[in-house]
């Protein structure tokens, strides 16, 4: 099974494809770039065409996209959400299942810790995919982390035991914790 991970962004949209298995294998990784001096519509068109090209070239069975979340920088969130929508449209156009993952879900699935620093996530991506170094730029590594998260979310068993890895168990626990009611009020989430 092939999974395409998309780390949405207007300046750099990370894209990465893995082939699932034990261990998962890197198929391709890169970024789709635009510049801030381009009109917003032209930036979105360029990214859309880039995503479509990646989907056509690599024929993924599933697409994993980072879920946009609230930040104080509204223009950044809007751009991320728009690019995430382009990935969802590309998937829907071809009947490819698409799943959104939060950054903490990705971190927990790849490192076992939902608040892991970016450098640790990148290091684990390289380790999981048996790479000499993390892919550059960070957006490319993040796209692979999304693809790995999706694969692990499927409950990919180890080759020898058929059991989940520690990272998969941590991700499952993080997902269960996210579903539990919180004592925080709605206003606390937005701070």
Protein backbone atom coordinates (compact mmCIF):
# COMPACT_ATOMS: atom_id res chain seq x y z
CA UNK A 1 0.00 0.00 0.00
CA UNK A 2 1.25 3.48 -0.82
CA UNK A 3 0.51 6.48 1.40
CA UNK A 4 1.00 10.08 0.29
CA UNK A 5 1.58 12.51 3.15
CA UNK A 6 0.87 16.20 2.59
CA UNK A 7 2.19 18.89 4.94
CA UNK A 8 0.15 21.85 3.68
CA UNK A 9 1.65 25.31 3.32
CA UNK A 10 1.50 28.14 0.81
CA UNK A 11 5.25 28.74 0.57
CA UNK A 12 6.34 25.10 0.92
CA UNK A 13 3.89 22.21 0.73
CA UNK A 14 5.71 19.05 1.81
CA UNK A 15 4.85 15.84 -0.04
CA UNK A 16 6.12 12.36 0.68
CA UNK A 17 5.18 8.85 -0.38
CA UNK A 18 5.93 5.65 1.51
CA UNK A 19 5.35 2.01 0.63
CA UNK A 20 3.96 0.25 3.68
CA UNK A 21 5.67 -2.83 5.03
CA UNK A 22 8.15 -3.84 7.68
CA UNK A 23 9.94 -1.55 7.50
CA UNK A 24 8.06 1.07 5.51
CA UNK A 25 10.05 2.30 2.50
CA UNK A 26 10.60 5.77 1.10
CA UNK A 27 9.21 6.09 -2.43
CA UNK A 28 9.60 9.84 -2.98
CA UNK A 29 9.79 13.08 -1.02
CA UNK A 30 9.85 16.76 -1.92
CA UNK A 31 8.17 20.12 -1.68
CA UNK A 32 5.87 22.11 -3.91
CA UNK A 33 7.00 25.73 -3.61
CA UNK A 34 5.46 29.11 -4.36
CA UNK A 35 6.64 32.64 -3.62
CA UNK A 36 4.95 35.35 -1.58
CA UNK A 37 5.00 37.74 -4.54
CA UNK A 38 2.57 35.51 -6.46
CA UNK A 39 -1.17 36.22 -6.33
CA UNK A 40 -2.98 33.94 -3.86
CA UNK A 41 -5.00 32.28 -6.62
CA UNK A 42 -1.84 31.59 -8.64
CA UNK A 43 -0.15 30.08 -5.58
CA UNK A 44 -3.10 27.78 -4.97
CA UNK A 45 -3.22 26.79 -8.63
CA UNK A 46 0.51 25.92 -8.63
CA UNK A 47 0.15 23.84 -5.48
CA UNK A 48 -2.97 22.12 -6.80
CA UNK A 49 -1.17 21.19 -10.01
CA UNK A 50 1.80 19.93 -7.99
CA UNK A 51 -0.38 17.75 -5.76
CA UNK A 52 -2.23 16.39 -8.79
CA UNK A 53 1.13 15.52 -10.40
CA UNK A 54 2.30 13.68 -7.25
CA UNK A 55 -0.96 11.72 -7.08
CA UNK A 56 -0.76 10.78 -10.76
CA UNK A 57 2.92 9.83 -10.61
CA UNK A 58 2.80 7.75 -7.40
CA UNK A 59 -0.77 6.34 -7.37
CA UNK A 60 -1.28 6.38 -3.59
CA UNK A 61 -3.84 4.11 -1.96
CA UNK A 62 -4.39 6.65 0.84
CA UNK A 63 -3.62 10.31 1.47
CA UNK A 64 -2.77 11.72 4.90
CA UNK A 65 -2.95 15.49 5.43
CA UNK A 66 -2.07 17.62 8.43
CA UNK A 67 -5.22 19.00 10.05
CA UNK A 68 -5.22 22.80 10.29
CA UNK A 69 -5.52 24.00 13.86
CA UNK A 70 -6.15 27.37 15.49
CA UNK A 71 -3.17 29.69 15.76
CA UNK A 72 -2.82 33.37 16.46
CA UNK A 73 -1.57 33.91 12.88
CA UNK A 74 -4.87 33.79 10.97
CA UNK A 75 -3.35 34.25 7.47
CA UNK A 76 -1.08 31.23 8.06
CA UNK A 77 -4.00 29.08 9.22
CA UNK A 78 -6.07 30.15 6.24
CA UNK A 79 -3.29 29.22 3.80
CA UNK A 80 -2.75 25.84 5.47
CA UNK A 81 -6.49 25.11 5.40
CA UNK A 82 -6.75 26.11 1.73
CA UNK A 83 -3.84 23.86 0.73
CA UNK A 84 -5.23 20.99 2.83
CA UNK A 85 -8.47 21.40 0.86
CA UNK A 86 -6.55 21.02 -2.40
CA UNK A 87 -5.20 17.68 -1.18
CA UNK A 88 -8.68 16.55 -0.18
CA UNK A 89 -10.08 17.49 -3.60
CA UNK A 90 -7.29 15.58 -5.39
CA UNK A 91 -8.12 12.53 -3.27
CA UNK A 92 -11.89 12.83 -3.72
CA UNK A 93 -11.50 13.24 -7.49
CA UNK A 94 -9.93 9.76 -7.63
CA UNK A 95 -11.83 8.04 -4.84
CA UNK A 96 -8.71 7.81 -2.66
CA UNK A 97 -9.39 7.70 1.09
CA UNK A 98 -8.09 10.83 2.83
CA UNK A 99 -7.43 11.24 6.54
CA UNK A 100 -6.54 14.36 8.52
CA UNK A 101 -4.07 14.05 11.41
CA UNK A 102 -3.26 16.68 14.02
CA UNK A 103 0.39 17.58 14.65
CA UNK A 104 0.26 15.94 18.10
CA UNK A 105 -1.13 12.71 16.61
CA UNK A 106 1.73 12.65 14.11
CA UNK A 107 4.35 13.33 16.79
CA UNK A 108 2.91 10.64 19.08
CA UNK A 109 2.77 8.04 16.33
CA UNK A 110 6.31 8.67 15.11
CA UNK A 111 8.11 9.36 18.42
CA UNK A 112 5.78 8.05 21.12
CA UNK A 113 5.41 11.58 22.55
CA UNK A 114 2.75 14.03 21.36
CA UNK A 115 4.80 17.11 22.21
CA UNK A 116 8.06 15.93 20.66
CA UNK A 117 10.25 18.66 19.16
CA UNK A 118 10.49 18.92 15.38
CA UNK A 119 14.09 17.68 15.38
CA UNK A 120 13.09 14.47 17.18
CA UNK A 121 10.27 13.83 14.69
CA UNK A 122 12.66 14.35 11.77
CA UNK A 123 15.23 12.04 13.35
CA UNK A 124 12.63 9.31 13.86
CA UNK A 125 11.39 9.67 10.27
CA UNK A 126 14.94 8.99 9.09
CA UNK A 127 15.25 6.06 11.50
CA UNK A 128 11.90 4.47 10.60
CA UNK A 129 12.61 4.76 6.87
CA UNK A 130 16.27 3.72 7.29
CA UNK A 131 17.61 6.97 5.81
CA UNK A 132 21.11 8.33 6.42
CA UNK A 133 19.68 11.75 7.37
CA UNK A 134 16.29 13.42 7.72
CA UNK A 135 14.89 14.77 4.46
CA UNK A 136 15.28 18.52 3.95
CA UNK A 137 13.56 20.91 4.21
CA UNK A 138 11.54 20.18 7.34
CA UNK A 139 8.28 20.30 5.35
CA UNK A 140 9.42 17.24 3.38
CA UNK A 141 10.20 15.30 6.56
CA UNK A 142 6.84 16.37 8.02
CA UNK A 143 5.04 14.98 4.96
CA UNK A 144 6.74 11.62 5.49
CA UNK A 145 5.83 11.75 9.20
CA UNK A 146 2.18 12.16 8.16
CA UNK A 147 2.40 9.15 5.85
CA UNK A 148 4.08 7.09 8.60
CA UNK A 149 1.44 8.21 11.12
CA UNK A 150 -1.32 7.07 8.80
CA UNK A 151 0.36 3.71 8.29
CA UNK A 152 0.84 3.25 12.03
CA UNK A 153 -2.76 4.32 12.63
CA UNK A 154 -3.84 1.38 10.52
CA UNK A 155 -2.27 -0.75 13.28
CA UNK A 156 0.57 -2.04 11.15
CA UNK A 157 1.82 -5.11 13.00
CA UNK A 158 5.47 -5.95 13.39
CA UNK A 159 6.72 -8.68 11.08
CA UNK A 160 7.75 -11.00 13.89
CA UNK A 161 5.12 -10.58 16.58
CA UNK A 162 2.02 -9.26 14.87
CA UNK A 163 1.82 -6.72 17.72
CA UNK A 164 1.85 -2.96 17.56
CA UNK A 165 5.09 -1.07 18.13
CA UNK A 166 5.60 1.20 21.15
CA UNK A 167 5.01 4.22 18.90
CA UNK A 168 1.75 2.72 17.63
CA UNK A 169 0.58 2.03 21.18
CA UNK A 170 1.50 5.61 22.20
CA UNK A 171 -0.42 6.99 19.24
CA UNK A 172 -3.48 4.91 20.12
CA UNK A 173 -3.32 6.18 23.71
CA UNK A 174 -2.95 9.79 22.51
CA UNK A 175 -6.00 9.32 20.29
CA UNK A 176 -8.01 7.88 23.20
CA UNK A 177 -6.91 10.76 25.44
CA UNK A 178 -7.96 13.30 22.82
CA UNK A 179 -11.48 11.83 22.84
CA UNK A 180 -11.84 12.06 26.63
CA UNK A 181 -13.82 15.00 28.02
CA UNK A 182 -11.64 17.78 29.35
CA UNK A 183 -12.03 19.96 32.42
CA UNK A 184 -10.95 22.97 30.33
CA UNK A 185 -13.52 25.40 29.04
CA UNK A 186 -13.76 26.22 25.35
CA UNK A 187 -11.96 29.52 25.95
CA UNK A 188 -8.95 27.67 27.40
CA UNK A 189 -8.38 25.86 24.09
CA UNK A 190 -8.10 29.09 22.17
CA UNK A 191 -5.35 30.66 24.28
